[in-house]
PDB file of N, CA and C in Angstrom:
ATOM      1  N   MET A   1     140.116  56.345 216.971  1.00  0.00           N
ATOM      2  CA  MET A   1     141.225  55.797 216.205  1.00  0.00           C
ATOM      3  C   MET A   1     140.760  55.347 214.821  1.00  0.00           C
ATOM      4  N   ALA A   2     139.540  54.872 214.723  1.00  0.00           N
ATOM      5  CA  ALA A   2     139.015  54.383 213.448  1.00  0.00           C
ATOM      6  C   ALA A   2     138.953  55.521 212.439  1.00  0.00           C
ATOM      7  N   ASP A   3     138.668  56.726 212.905  1.00  0.00           N
ATOM      8  CA  ASP A   3     138.602  57.854 211.983  1.00  0.00           C
ATOM      9  C   ASP A   3     139.973  58.123 211.375  1.00  0.00           C
ATOM     10  N   TYR A   4     141.028  58.035 212.181  1.00  0.00           N
ATOM     11  CA  TYR A   4     142.371  58.272 211.660  1.00  0.00           C
ATOM     12  C   TYR A   4     142.769  57.213 210.647  1.00  0.00           C
ATOM     13  N   LYS A   5     142.380  55.976 210.959  1.00  0.00           N
ATOM     14  CA  LYS A   5     142.702  54.866 210.066  1.00  0.00           C
ATOM     15  C   LYS A   5     141.994  55.038 208.716  1.00  0.00           C
ATOM     16  N   SER A   6     140.728  55.409 208.737  1.00  0.00           N
ATOM     17  CA  SER A   6     139.996  55.586 207.495  1.00  0.00           C
ATOM     18  C   SER A   6     140.530  56.795 206.727  1.00  0.00           C
ATOM     19  N   MET A   7     140.923  57.853 207.440  1.00  0.00           N
ATOM     20  CA  MET A   7     141.528  59.017 206.761  1.00  0.00           C
ATOM     21  C   MET A   7     142.856  58.642 206.124  1.00  0.00           C
ATOM     22  N   TYR A   8     143.624  57.823 206.837  1.00  0.00           N
ATOM     23  CA  TYR A   8     144.922  57.372 206.294  1.00  0.00           C
ATOM     24  C   TYR A   8     144.701  56.570 205.017  1.00  0.00           C
ATOM     25  N   TYR A   9     143.782  55.614 205.043  1.00  0.00           N
ATOM     26  CA  TYR A   9     143.531  54.789 203.862  1.00  0.00           C
ATOM     27  C   TYR A   9     142.977  55.645 202.702  1.00  0.00           C
ATOM     28  N   TYR A  10     142.111  56.568 203.045  1.00  0.00           N
ATOM     29  CA  TYR A  10     141.566  57.449 202.028  1.00  0.00           C
ATOM     30  C   TYR A  10     142.699  58.269 201.386  1.00  0.00           C
ATOM     31  N   SER A  11     143.547  58.873 202.238  1.00  0.00           N
ATOM     32  CA  SER A  11     144.677  59.673 201.740  1.00  0.00           C
ATOM     33  C   SER A  11     145.663  58.832 200.947  1.00  0.00           C
ATOM     34  N   ALA A  12     145.930  57.630 201.442  1.00  0.00           N
ATOM     35  CA  ALA A  12     146.855  56.743 200.738  1.00  0.00           C
ATOM     36  C   ALA A  12     146.293  56.369 199.373  1.00  0.00           C
ATOM     37  N   GLY A  13     145.012  56.114 199.300  1.00  0.00           N
ATOM     38  CA  GLY A  13     144.385  55.811 198.011  1.00  0.00           C
ATOM     39  C   GLY A  13     144.451  56.992 197.060  1.00  0.00           C
ATOM     40  N   ARG A  14     144.201  58.187 197.577  1.00  0.00           N
ATOM     41  CA  ARG A  14     144.285  59.381 196.742  1.00  0.00           C
ATOM     42  C   ARG A  14     145.712  59.607 196.251  1.00  0.00           C
ATOM     43  N   MET A  15     146.672  59.380 197.123  1.00  0.00           N
ATOM     44  CA  MET A  15     148.083  59.558 196.736  1.00  0.00           C
ATOM     45  C   MET A  15     148.483  58.530 195.699  1.00  0.00           C
ATOM     46  N   ALA A  16     148.025  57.312 195.843  1.00  0.00           N
ATOM     47  CA  ALA A  16     148.334  56.281 194.859  1.00  0.00           C
ATOM     48  C   ALA A  16     147.744  56.652 193.504  1.00  0.00           C
ATOM     49  N   THR A  17     146.529  57.187 193.518  1.00  0.00           N
ATOM     50  CA  THR A  17     145.912  57.647 192.268  1.00  0.00           C
ATOM     51  C   THR A  17     146.722  58.786 191.662  1.00  0.00           C
ATOM     52  N   ALA A  18     147.157  59.725 192.489  1.00  0.00           N
ATOM     53  CA  ALA A  18     147.954  60.851 192.007  1.00  0.00           C
ATOM     54  C   ALA A  18     149.278  60.374 191.404  1.00  0.00           C
ATOM     55  N   VAL A  19     149.924  59.421 192.072  1.00  0.00           N
ATOM     56  CA  VAL A  19     151.183  58.879 191.573  1.00  0.00           C
ATOM     57  C   VAL A  19     150.976  58.159 190.245  1.00  0.00           C
ATOM     58  N   ASP A  20     149.912  57.367 190.147  1.00  0.00           N
ATOM     59  CA  ASP A  20     149.606  56.680 188.881  1.00  0.00           C
ATOM     60  C   ASP A  20     149.365  57.680 187.767  1.00  0.00           C
ATOM     61  N   THR A  21     148.634  58.732 188.077  1.00  0.00           N
ATOM     62  CA  THR A  21     148.348  59.771 187.072  1.00  0.00           C
ATOM     63  C   THR A  21     149.630  60.469 186.646  1.00  0.00           C
ATOM     64  N   LEU A  22     150.490  60.780 187.582  1.00  0.00           N
ATOM     65  CA  LEU A  22     151.768  61.421 187.252  1.00  0.00           C
ATOM     66  C   LEU A  22     152.650  60.509 186.397  1.00  0.00           C
ATOM     67  N   GLU A  23     152.677  59.233 186.721  1.00  0.00           N
ATOM     68  CA  GLU A  23     153.466  58.285 185.927  1.00  0.00           C
ATOM     69  C   GLU A  23     152.927  58.201 184.495  1.00  0.00           C
ATOM     70  N   ALA A  24     151.616  58.120 184.364  1.00  0.00           N
ATOM     71  CA  ALA A  24     151.021  58.046 183.024  1.00  0.00           C
ATOM     72  C   ALA A  24     151.286  59.332 182.236  1.00  0.00           C
ATOM     73  N   THR A  25     151.140  60.459 182.907  1.00  0.00           N
ATOM     74  CA  THR A  25     151.389  61.751 182.262  1.00  0.00           C
ATOM     75  C   THR A  25     152.853  61.872 181.844  1.00  0.00           C
ATOM     76  N   THR A  26     153.742  61.411 182.687  1.00  0.00           N
ATOM     77  CA  THR A  26     155.167  61.451 182.372  1.00  0.00           C
ATOM     78  C   THR A  26     155.466  60.614 181.132  1.00  0.00           C
ATOM     79  N   GLU A  27     154.889  59.435 181.037  1.00  0.00           N
ATOM     80  CA  GLU A  27     155.092  58.571 179.876  1.00  0.00           C
ATOM     81  C   GLU A  27     154.531  59.215 178.605  1.00  0.00           C
ATOM     82  N   ILE A  28     153.359  59.828 178.738  1.00  0.00           N
ATOM     83  CA  ILE A  28     152.773  60.516 177.587  1.00  0.00           C
ATOM     84  C   ILE A  28     153.672  61.658 177.132  1.00  0.00           C
ATOM     85  N   LEU A  29     154.177  62.428 178.094  1.00  0.00           N
ATOM     86  CA  LEU A  29     155.053  63.548 177.753  1.00  0.00           C
ATOM     87  C   LEU A  29     156.359  63.065 177.101  1.00  0.00           C
ATOM     88  N   LYS A  30     156.906  61.975 177.608  1.00  0.00           N
ATOM     89  CA  LYS A  30     158.118  61.419 177.003  1.00  0.00           C
ATOM     90  C   LYS A  30     157.850  61.000 175.551  1.00  0.00           C
ATOM     91  N   SER A  31     156.735  60.331 175.341  1.00  0.00           N
ATOM     92  CA  SER A  31     156.372  59.865 174.012  1.00  0.00           C
ATOM     93  C   SER A  31     156.132  61.059 173.077  1.00  0.00           C
ATOM     94  N   THR A  32     155.430  62.055 173.580  1.00  0.00           N
ATOM     95  CA  THR A  32     155.145  63.251 172.775  1.00  0.00           C
ATOM     96  C   THR A  32     156.453  63.984 172.445  1.00  0.00           C
ATOM     97  N   THR A  33     157.330  64.102 173.423  1.00  0.00           N
ATOM     98  CA  THR A  33     158.608  64.773 173.188  1.00  0.00           C
ATOM     99  C   THR A  33     159.418  64.045 172.119  1.00  0.00           C
ATOM    100  N   LYS A  34     159.430  62.717 172.182  1.00  0.00           N
ATOM    101  CA  LYS A  34     160.155  61.933 171.192  1.00  0.00           C
ATOM    102  C   LYS A  34     159.553  62.145 169.805  1.00  0.00           C
ATOM    103  N   SER A  35     158.228  62.094 169.709  1.00  0.00           N
ATOM    104  CA  SER A  35     157.560  62.289 168.430  1.00  0.00           C
ATOM    105  C   SER A  35     157.830  63.682 167.864  1.00  0.00           C
ATOM    106  N   LEU A  36     157.738  64.673 168.724  1.00  0.00           N
ATOM    107  CA  LEU A  36     158.001  66.051 168.274  1.00  0.00           C
ATOM    108  C   LEU A  36     159.445  66.229 167.847  1.00  0.00           C
ATOM    109  N   SER A  37     160.350  65.603 168.577  1.00  0.00           N
ATOM    110  CA  SER A  37     161.763  65.691 168.223  1.00  0.00           C
ATOM    111  C   SER A  37     162.024  65.078 166.866  1.00  0.00           C
ATOM    112  N   GLU A  38     161.418  63.916 166.612  1.00  0.00           N
ATOM    113  CA  GLU A  38     161.577  63.262 165.315  1.00  0.00           C
ATOM    114  C   GLU A  38     160.960  64.099 164.199  1.00  0.00           C
ATOM    115  N   ALA A  39     159.788  64.661 164.460  1.00  0.00           N
ATOM    116  CA  ALA A  39     159.120  65.504 163.466  1.00  0.00           C
ATOM    117  C   ALA A  39     159.950  66.749 163.193  1.00  0.00           C
ATOM    118  N   LEU A  40     160.499  67.338 164.248  1.00  0.00           N
ATOM    119  CA  LEU A  40     161.324  68.528 164.072  1.00  0.00           C
ATOM    120  C   LEU A  40     162.586  68.215 163.285  1.00  0.00           C
ATOM    121  N   SER A  41     163.160  67.056 163.560  1.00  0.00           N
ATOM    122  CA  SER A  41     164.344  66.638 162.824  1.00  0.00           C
ATOM    123  C   SER A  41     164.037  66.450 161.350  1.00  0.00           C
ATOM    124  N   SER A  42     162.914  65.812 161.059  1.00  0.00           N
ATOM    125  CA  SER A  42     162.515  65.624 159.657  1.00  0.00           C
ATOM    126  C   SER A  42     162.247  66.948 158.976  1.00  0.00           C
ATOM    127  N   THR A  43     161.585  67.840 159.682  1.00  0.00           N
ATOM    128  CA  THR A  43     161.267  69.167 159.119  1.00  0.00           C
ATOM    129  C   THR A  43     162.550  69.950 158.870  1.00  0.00           C
ATOM    130  N   THR A  44     163.472  69.882 159.807  1.00  0.00           N
ATOM    131  CA  THR A  44     164.743  70.591 159.649  1.00  0.00           C
ATOM    132  C   THR A  44     165.497  70.057 158.432  1.00  0.00           C
ATOM    133  N   PHE A  45     165.522  68.746 158.263  1.00  0.00           N
ATOM    134  CA  PHE A  45     166.182  68.157 157.112  1.00  0.00           C
ATOM    135  C   PHE A  45     165.521  68.607 155.807  1.00  0.00           C
ATOM    136  N   ALA A  46     164.185  68.620 155.782  1.00  0.00           N
ATOM    137  CA  ALA A  46     163.463  69.054 154.592  1.00  0.00           C
ATOM    138  C   ALA A  46     163.756  70.514 154.274  1.00  0.00           C
ATOM    139  N   LEU A  47     163.799  71.353 155.301  1.00  0.00           N
ATOM    140  CA  LEU A  47     164.073  72.776 155.084  1.00  0.00           C
ATOM    141  C   LEU A  47     165.508  72.985 154.591  1.00  0.00           C
ATOM    142  N   GLU A  48     166.440  72.228 155.123  1.00  0.00           N
ATOM    143  CA  GLU A  48     167.830  72.349 154.662  1.00  0.00           C
ATOM    144  C   GLU A  48     167.936  71.921 153.206  1.00  0.00           C
ATOM    145  N   SER A  49     167.263  70.845 152.837  1.00  0.00           N
ATOM    146  CA  SER A  49     167.273  70.378 151.451  1.00  0.00           C
ATOM    147  C   SER A  49     166.641  71.417 150.527  1.00  0.00           C
ATOM    148  N   THR A  50     165.536  72.001 150.964  1.00  0.00           N
ATOM    149  CA  THR A  50     164.875  73.034 150.164  1.00  0.00           C
ATOM    150  C   THR A  50     165.776  74.247 149.999  1.00  0.00           C
ATOM    151  N   SER A  51     166.446  74.615 151.054  1.00  0.00           N
ATOM    152  CA  SER A  51     167.354  75.759 151.006  1.00  0.00           C
ATOM    153  C   SER A  51     168.483  75.507 150.020  1.00  0.00           C
ATOM    154  N   GLU A  52     169.033  74.298 150.044  1.00  0.00           N
ATOM    155  CA  GLU A  52     170.109  73.958 149.116  1.00  0.00           C
ATOM    156  C   GLU A  52     169.604  74.000 147.670  1.00  0.00           C
ATOM    157  N   ALA A  53     168.393  73.468 147.453  1.00  0.00           N
ATOM    158  CA  ALA A  53     167.832  73.477 146.104  1.00  0.00           C
ATOM    159  C   ALA A  53     167.582  74.895 145.621  1.00  0.00           C
ATOM    160  N   LEU A  54     167.092  75.758 146.515  1.00  0.00           N
ATOM    161  CA  LEU A  54     166.854  77.154 146.135  1.00  0.00           C
ATOM    162  C   LEU A  54     168.170  77.886 145.841  1.00  0.00           C
ATOM    163  N   THR A  55     169.197  77.580 146.594  1.00  0.00           N
ATOM    164  CA  THR A  55     170.501  78.197 146.355  1.00  0.00           C
ATOM    165  C   THR A  55     171.023  77.767 144.984  1.00  0.00           C
ATOM    166  N   ALA A  56     170.904  76.503 144.657  1.00  0.00           N
ATOM    167  CA  ALA A  56     171.354  76.013 143.351  1.00  0.00           C
ATOM    168  C   ALA A  56     170.544  76.669 142.233  1.00  0.00           C
ATOM    169  N   LEU A  57     169.234  76.790 142.423  1.00  0.00           N
ATOM    170  CA  LEU A  57     168.384  77.421 141.426  1.00  0.00           C
ATOM    171  C   LEU A  57     168.761  78.888 141.246  1.00  0.00           C
ATOM    172  N   LYS A  58     169.045  79.571 142.342  1.00  0.00           N
ATOM    173  CA  LYS A  58     169.450  80.971 142.281  1.00  0.00           C
ATOM    174  C   LYS A  58     170.729  81.118 141.470  1.00  0.00           C
ATOM    175  N   GLU A  59     171.683  80.253 141.696  1.00  0.00           N
ATOM    176  CA  GLU A  59     172.943  80.319 140.960  1.00  0.00           C
ATOM    177  C   GLU A  59     172.730  80.057 139.464  1.00  0.00           C
ATOM    178  N   LYS A  60     171.854  79.103 139.146  1.00  0.00           N
ATOM    179  CA  LYS A  60     171.571  78.829 137.731  1.00  0.00           C
ATOM    180  C   LYS A  60     170.881  80.011 137.072  1.00  0.00           C
ATOM    181  N   LEU A  61     169.977  80.661 137.795  1.00  0.00           N
ATOM    182  CA  LEU A  61     169.292  81.827 137.250  1.00  0.00           C
ATOM    183  C   LEU A  61     170.255  82.993 137.043  1.00  0.00           C
ATOM    184  N   LYS A  62     171.175  83.177 137.978  1.00  0.00           N
ATOM    185  CA  LYS A  62     172.190  84.225 137.810  1.00  0.00           C
ATOM    186  C   LYS A  62     173.039  83.964 136.572  1.00  0.00           C
ATOM    187  N   LEU A  63     173.434  82.708 136.381  1.00  0.00           N
ATOM    188  CA  LEU A  63     174.235  82.332 135.232  1.00  0.00           C
ATOM    189  C   LEU A  63     173.448  82.559 133.935  1.00  0.00           C
ATOM    190  N   ALA A  64     172.174  82.167 133.939  1.00  0.00           N
ATOM    191  CA  ALA A  64     171.343  82.371 132.750  1.00  0.00           C
ATOM    192  C   ALA A  64     171.193  83.853 132.441  1.00  0.00           C
ATOM    193  N   GLN A  65     171.010  84.650 133.476  1.00  0.00           N
ATOM    194  CA  GLN A  65     170.891  86.090 133.276  1.00  0.00           C
ATOM    195  C   GLN A  65     172.179  86.672 132.699  1.00  0.00           C
ATOM    196  N   GLN A  66     173.296  86.262 133.247  1.00  0.00           N
ATOM    197  CA  GLN A  66     174.590  86.764 132.764  1.00  0.00           C
ATOM    198  C   GLN A  66     174.824  86.328 131.313  1.00  0.00           C
ATOM    199  N   THR A  67     174.503  85.086 131.010  1.00  0.00           N
ATOM    200  CA  THR A  67     174.669  84.585 129.650  1.00  0.00           C
ATOM    201  C   THR A  67     173.805  85.360 128.677  1.00  0.00           C
ATOM    202  N   THR A  68     172.576  85.644 129.074  1.00  0.00           N
ATOM    203  CA  THR A  68     171.663  86.406 128.220  1.00  0.00           C
ATOM    204  C   THR A  68     172.189  87.831 128.017  1.00  0.00           C
ATOM    205  N   GLU A  69     172.664  88.449 129.082  1.00  0.00           N
ATOM    206  CA  GLU A  69     173.226  89.798 128.962  1.00  0.00           C
ATOM    207  C   GLU A  69     174.426  89.788 128.035  1.00  0.00           C
ATOM    208  N   ASP A  70     175.278  88.802 128.177  1.00  0.00           N
ATOM    209  CA  ASP A  70     176.458  88.706 127.307  1.00  0.00           C
ATOM    210  C   ASP A  70     176.047  88.547 125.843  1.00  0.00           C
ATOM    211  N   MET A  71     175.009  87.749 125.603  1.00  0.00           N
ATOM    212  CA  MET A  71     174.539  87.557 124.225  1.00  0.00           C
ATOM    213  C   MET A  71     174.071  88.879 123.625  1.00  0.00           C
ATOM    214  N   PHE A  72     173.316  89.644 124.392  1.00  0.00           N
ATOM    215  CA  PHE A  72     172.824  90.930 123.896  1.00  0.00           C
ATOM    216  C   PHE A  72     173.953  91.917 123.690  1.00  0.00           C
ATOM    217  N   VAL A  73     174.910  91.938 124.607  1.00  0.00           N
ATOM    218  CA  VAL A  73     176.045  92.865 124.468  1.00  0.00           C
ATOM    219  C   VAL A  73     176.849  92.483 123.233  1.00  0.00           C
ATOM    220  N   ASP A  74     177.134  91.190 123.053  1.00  0.00           N
ATOM    221  CA  ASP A  74     177.864  90.734 121.888  1.00  0.00           C
ATOM    222  C   ASP A  74     177.087  91.039 120.613  1.00  0.00           C
ATOM    223  N   SER A  75     175.805  90.834 120.641  1.00  0.00           N
ATOM    224  CA  SER A  75     174.948  91.096 119.471  1.00  0.00           C
ATOM    225  C   SER A  75     174.948  92.584 119.154  1.00  0.00           C
ATOM    226  N   ALA A  76     174.893  93.406 120.171  1.00  0.00           N
ATOM    227  CA  ALA A  76     174.921  94.863 119.967  1.00  0.00           C
ATOM    228  C   ALA A  76     176.251  95.298 119.394  1.00  0.00           C
ATOM    229  N   ASP A  77     177.342  94.714 119.884  1.00  0.00           N
ATOM    230  CA  ASP A  77     178.660  95.049 119.364  1.00  0.00           C
ATOM    231  C   ASP A  77     178.768  94.646 117.879  1.00  0.00           C
ATOM    232  N   GLU A  78     178.232  93.492 117.519  1.00  0.00           N
ATOM    233  CA  GLU A  78     178.268  93.048 116.125  1.00  0.00           C
ATOM    234  C   GLU A  78     177.414  93.946 115.266  1.00  0.00           C
ATOM    235  N   ASP A  79     176.259  94.385 115.763  1.00  0.00           N
ATOM    236  CA  ASP A  79     175.390  95.296 115.018  1.00  0.00           C
ATOM    237  C   ASP A  79     176.089  96.625 114.809  1.00  0.00           C
ATOM    238  N   ASP A  80     176.785  97.118 115.831  1.00  0.00           N
ATOM    239  CA  ASP A  80     177.505  98.391 115.705  1.00  0.00           C
ATOM    240  C   ASP A  80     178.616  98.275 114.663  1.00  0.00           C
ATOM    241  N   LEU A  81     179.324  97.148 114.662  1.00  0.00           N
ATOM    242  CA  LEU A  81     180.387  96.945 113.682  1.00  0.00           C
ATOM    243  C   LEU A  81     179.809  96.846 112.267  1.00  0.00           C
ATOM    244  N   ALA A  82     178.703  96.128 112.116  1.00  0.00           N
ATOM    245  CA  ALA A  82     178.075  95.983 110.812  1.00  0.00           C
ATOM    246  C   ALA A  82     177.576  97.314 110.288  1.00  0.00           C
ATOM    247  N   GLU A  83     177.015  98.128 111.147  1.00  0.00           N
ATOM    248  CA  GLU A  83     176.526  99.446 110.729  1.00  0.00           C
ATOM    249  C   GLU A  83     177.676 100.377 110.382  1.00  0.00           C
ATOM    250  N   GLY A  84     178.801 100.225 111.093  1.00  0.00           N
ATOM    251  CA  GLY A  84     179.959 101.075 110.848  1.00  0.00           C
ATOM    252  C   GLY A  84     180.607 100.769 109.493  1.00  0.00           C
ATOM    253  N   HIS A  85     180.457  99.570 108.974  1.00  0.00           N
ATOM    254  CA  HIS A  85     181.063  99.191 107.694  1.00  0.00           C
ATOM    255  C   HIS A  85     180.194  99.573 106.518  1.00  0.00           C
ATOM    256  N   LYS A  86     178.983  99.989 106.754  1.00  0.00           N
ATOM    257  CA  LYS A  86     178.067 100.334 105.648  1.00  0.00           C
ATOM    258  C   LYS A  86     178.356 101.685 105.091  1.00  0.00           C
TER     259      LYS A  86
END
């Protein structure tokens, strides 16, 4: 009977250690998940802001390109008119 009792206590001790380890691991995973979630949220916000800034920059560049093209077209038209009057 003593052998069964010592095996029981040994097994119970091992199970208690396993439970403690699982609880600690669970807490670590919860903490890591929370940290990763916050980091992902911050990264997502930064990427959205960057995307918006790039979109605004793209629109400004398109406008600048169109304005420049219009200036050259208008300048060419004026040059053609000036040459035609000579």
